[in-house]
Amino acid sequence: MQLYSFFNSSTSYRVRIALALKNIDYKYIGINIRVEEQSEENYTKINPSKSVPMLVDNSGVSLSQSMAIIQYLDDLQISPRLIPEEIVLKARVLELSNIIACDMHPVNNLRILNYLNRELGISEAEKKLWYEHWVTEGFTAVEELLGRYGYGQYCFGDKPTFADCCLVPQVANALRMGCDLSSFTRIMSVYKHCLKQPSFKLAAPENQPDYIS
């Protein structure tokens, strides 16, 4: 199994967490999205969406979206389960995961931020306001849902789920961008607990072979 990844990509980080939780071995192939290696011809032949992550299984299956990849991994190796089978809990996990993956990440990923700078002439200060606005919008919803339905040391119980795979990278990115997350007490409690766990440590950006300080 091969994973095309970038150490600071939150979507790649999601998949690395899932792989680590399931103890699945893989070959790491770094794609530096800061210098747009994802747009080079040899990579776009593999992944036309010009993005990371990209998973290539030994069976020949190729997947380029983190949510689909984690779903695939969960079906491929059912233990430990990241998407619960119980119908309501499954819906809650996916609800929270998709707030992050669909509402927050798409408007704040690197290619969107670069477009704001290069094509629309947005200043760094304006870009920071953009980023912080969508982080606040998304995490306000996540915090509320955790207050209503979350429990345990992770988002939903005492075992990590798909939701934790999505939450941790998004928090890490927001902190790296200088966002004040102190008011999101439930989110930060889950985040801090996860960072202490071996699988999350293994998947962390600073522990990847393409890490740039």
Protein backbone atom coordinates (compact mmCIF):
# COMPACT_ATOMS: atom_id res chain seq x y z
CA MET A 1 0.00 0.00 0.00
CA GLN A 2 1.28 3.47 -0.94
CA LEU A 3 0.21 6.82 0.46
CA TYR A 4 0.99 10.01 -1.44
CA SER A 5 0.99 12.61 1.29
CA PHE A 6 2.28 15.97 2.48
CA PHE A 7 3.24 16.28 6.12
CA ASN A 8 1.18 19.42 6.75
CA SER A 9 -1.87 18.47 4.69
CA SER A 10 -4.78 18.01 7.09
CA THR A 11 -6.52 15.60 4.72
CA SER A 12 -3.37 13.47 4.51
CA TYR A 13 -3.09 13.70 8.30
CA ARG A 14 -6.63 12.26 8.61
CA VAL A 15 -5.66 9.23 6.58
CA ARG A 16 -2.36 8.73 8.42
CA ILE A 17 -4.27 8.65 11.71
CA ALA A 18 -6.66 6.02 10.34
CA LEU A 19 -3.77 3.90 9.01
CA ALA A 20 -1.97 4.16 12.35
CA LEU A 21 -5.07 3.27 14.36
CA LYS A 22 -5.55 0.20 12.20
CA ASN A 23 -1.82 -0.62 12.27
CA ILE A 24 -1.67 -0.86 8.47
CA ASP A 25 1.78 -0.67 6.93
CA TYR A 26 2.29 1.57 3.92
CA LYS A 27 4.96 3.27 1.87
CA TYR A 28 5.03 7.03 2.33
CA ILE A 29 5.55 9.10 -0.81
CA GLY A 30 5.92 12.81 -0.16
CA ILE A 31 4.27 15.32 -2.50
CA ASN A 32 5.28 18.89 -1.69
CA ILE A 33 2.15 20.94 -2.31
CA ARG A 34 3.95 24.14 -1.30
CA VAL A 35 5.92 23.98 -4.56
CA GLU A 36 2.93 22.49 -6.45
CA GLU A 37 4.36 19.02 -7.06
CA GLN A 38 0.74 17.83 -7.09
CA SER A 39 0.32 19.62 -10.44
CA GLU A 40 3.26 17.94 -12.15
CA GLU A 41 2.39 15.63 -15.02
CA ASN A 42 3.77 12.44 -13.49
CA TYR A 43 1.52 12.91 -10.46
CA THR A 44 -1.61 14.09 -12.25
CA LYS A 45 -1.51 10.86 -14.26
CA ILE A 46 -2.00 9.09 -10.93
CA ASN A 47 -4.33 11.65 -9.39
CA PRO A 48 -6.19 13.96 -11.81
CA SER A 49 -7.60 16.01 -8.90
CA LYS A 50 -4.09 17.38 -8.22
CA SER A 51 -4.36 16.86 -4.50
CA VAL A 52 -3.19 14.79 -1.58
CA PRO A 53 -3.73 12.29 -0.13
CA MET A 54 -3.76 9.51 -2.68
CA LEU A 55 -3.91 5.87 -1.61
CA VAL A 56 -2.84 3.07 -3.92
CA ASP A 57 -3.62 -0.37 -2.54
CA ASN A 58 -1.69 -3.49 -3.50
CA SER A 59 -4.88 -4.79 -5.08
CA GLY A 60 -4.75 -1.94 -7.60
CA VAL A 61 -7.44 0.20 -5.96
CA SER A 62 -6.61 3.92 -6.12
CA LEU A 63 -8.48 6.55 -4.11
CA SER A 64 -7.87 10.28 -3.92
CA GLN A 65 -10.30 11.64 -1.31
CA SER A 66 -9.57 11.29 2.40
CA MET A 67 -13.17 10.54 3.39
CA ALA A 68 -13.44 7.80 0.78
CA ILE A 69 -10.03 6.44 1.76
CA ILE A 70 -10.95 6.17 5.44
CA GLN A 71 -14.28 4.53 4.55
CA TYR A 72 -12.37 2.06 2.36
CA LEU A 73 -9.85 1.30 5.12
CA ASP A 74 -12.68 0.77 7.60
CA ASP A 75 -14.33 -1.76 5.30
CA LEU A 76 -11.01 -3.37 4.39
CA GLN A 77 -10.00 -3.93 8.01
CA ILE A 78 -12.98 -3.73 10.32
CA SER A 79 -11.03 -3.61 13.59
CA PRO A 80 -10.76 -1.15 15.17
CA ARG A 81 -13.94 0.28 13.75
CA LEU A 82 -13.77 4.02 12.97
CA ILE A 83 -17.30 4.37 11.60
CA PRO A 84 -19.64 2.79 14.18
CA GLU A 85 -22.22 0.28 13.07
CA GLU A 86 -24.96 1.49 15.41
CA ILE A 87 -27.16 3.64 13.21
CA VAL A 88 -27.52 6.81 15.33
CA LEU A 89 -23.92 6.88 16.51
CA LYS A 90 -22.75 6.35 12.92
CA ALA A 91 -24.82 9.34 11.85
CA ARG A 92 -23.43 11.49 14.66
CA VAL A 93 -19.83 10.59 13.81
CA LEU A 94 -20.40 11.36 10.12
CA GLU A 95 -22.27 14.57 10.93
CA LEU A 96 -19.33 15.97 12.90
CA SER A 97 -16.76 14.65 10.43
CA ASN A 98 -18.51 16.32 7.52
CA ILE A 99 -18.75 19.71 9.22
CA ILE A 100 -14.96 19.65 9.24
CA ALA A 101 -14.45 17.99 5.85
CA CYS A 102 -17.17 19.84 3.92
CA ASP A 103 -17.76 23.17 5.68
CA MET A 104 -14.36 24.06 7.12
CA HIS A 105 -11.51 22.49 5.19
CA PRO A 106 -12.52 23.31 1.58
CA VAL A 107 -12.57 27.08 2.12
CA ASN A 108 -9.33 27.11 4.10
CA ASN A 109 -7.03 24.70 2.28
CA LEU A 110 -3.78 25.83 0.70
CA ARG A 111 -4.96 26.17 -2.90
CA ILE A 112 -7.91 28.35 -1.83
CA LEU A 113 -5.67 30.56 0.30
CA ASN A 114 -3.18 30.84 -2.56
CA TYR A 115 -5.97 31.81 -4.94
CA LEU A 116 -7.09 34.55 -2.57
CA ASN A 117 -3.55 35.95 -2.57
CA ARG A 118 -2.53 35.49 -6.19
CA GLU A 119 -5.73 35.99 -8.14
CA LEU A 120 -7.84 38.26 -5.93
CA GLY A 121 -5.03 40.28 -4.36
CA ILE A 122 -6.09 39.62 -0.79
CA SER A 123 -3.55 40.80 1.78
CA GLU A 124 -2.08 38.50 4.42
CA ALA A 125 -4.15 40.26 7.09
CA GLU A 126 -7.34 39.78 5.07
CA LYS A 127 -6.45 36.14 4.44
CA LYS A 128 -6.02 35.59 8.17
CA LEU A 129 -9.46 37.11 8.80
CA TRP A 130 -10.94 34.78 6.16
CA TYR A 131 -9.31 31.77 7.74
CA GLU A 132 -10.34 32.67 11.28
CA HIS A 133 -13.94 33.36 10.23
CA TRP A 134 -14.48 29.88 8.82
CA VAL A 135 -12.61 28.20 11.68
CA THR A 136 -14.86 29.99 14.17
CA GLU A 137 -18.01 29.16 12.21
CA GLY A 138 -17.13 25.48 11.94
CA PHE A 139 -15.75 24.90 15.40
CA THR A 140 -18.72 26.69 16.99
CA ALA A 141 -20.94 24.03 15.43
CA VAL A 142 -18.58 21.20 16.37
CA GLU A 143 -18.34 22.44 19.97
CA GLU A 144 -22.13 22.57 20.23
CA LEU A 145 -22.53 19.04 18.83
CA LEU A 146 -19.92 17.69 21.21
CA GLY A 147 -21.84 19.31 24.06
CA ARG A 148 -25.08 17.70 22.94
CA TYR A 149 -23.94 14.26 21.86
CA GLY A 150 -20.24 13.79 22.59
CA TYR A 151 -18.95 11.84 25.55
CA GLY A 152 -15.77 10.22 26.80
CA GLN A 153 -12.18 11.21 26.14
CA TYR A 154 -12.64 11.16 22.36
CA CYS A 155 -15.43 12.81 20.39
CA PHE A 156 -17.79 9.89 20.94
CA GLY A 157 -16.77 7.58 23.73
CA ASP A 158 -13.52 6.07 24.90
CA LYS A 159 -12.34 4.88 21.48
CA PRO A 160 -11.31 7.01 18.51
CA THR A 161 -13.64 7.29 15.53
CA PHE A 162 -13.68 8.89 12.11
CA ALA A 163 -14.60 12.15 13.89
CA ASP A 164 -11.30 12.22 15.80
CA CYS A 165 -9.39 11.53 12.58
CA CYS A 166 -10.93 14.71 11.16
CA LEU A 167 -10.88 16.87 14.28
CA VAL A 168 -7.22 16.60 15.25
CA PRO A 169 -5.73 17.79 11.92
CA GLN A 170 -8.19 20.68 11.69
CA VAL A 171 -7.28 21.87 15.18
CA ALA A 172 -3.57 21.49 14.40
CA ASN A 173 -3.96 23.65 11.28
CA ALA A 174 -5.95 26.31 13.10
CA LEU A 175 -3.34 26.55 15.85
CA ARG A 176 -0.55 26.75 13.26
CA MET A 177 -2.41 29.65 11.64
CA GLY A 178 -2.56 31.48 14.96
CA CYS A 179 -6.25 31.01 15.76
CA ASP A 180 -7.36 31.37 19.38
CA LEU A 181 -9.24 28.19 20.20
CA SER A 182 -9.36 28.64 23.97
CA SER A 183 -13.14 29.05 24.02
CA PHE A 184 -13.66 25.63 22.40
CA THR A 185 -13.09 23.67 25.58
CA ARG A 186 -14.61 20.36 24.47
CA ILE A 187 -12.70 20.40 21.19
CA MET A 188 -9.42 21.17 22.89
CA SER A 189 -9.96 18.49 25.53
CA VAL A 190 -10.40 15.85 22.81
CA TYR A 191 -7.45 17.23 20.84
CA LYS A 192 -5.08 17.19 23.82
CA HIS A 193 -6.11 13.64 24.74
CA CYS A 194 -5.56 12.41 21.19
CA LEU A 195 -2.09 13.93 20.97
CA LYS A 196 -1.00 11.72 23.87
CA GLN A 197 -1.97 8.50 22.06
CA PRO A 198 0.68 6.51 20.12
CA SER A 199 -1.25 6.29 16.84
CA PHE A 200 -1.88 10.02 16.75
CA LYS A 201 1.77 10.71 17.56
CA LEU A 202 2.87 8.42 14.73
CA ALA A 203 0.64 10.29 12.27
CA ALA A 204 1.68 13.79 13.40
CA PRO A 205 3.24 16.14 10.82
CA GLU A 206 6.57 16.39 12.62
CA ASN A 207 7.00 12.62 12.47
CA GLN A 208 6.69 12.31 8.67
CA PRO A 209 9.70 11.72 6.39
CA ASP A 210 8.99 14.88 4.36
CA TYR A 211 8.67 17.14 7.41
CA ILE A 212 10.00 20.65 6.93
CA SER A 213 10.64 22.66 10.08
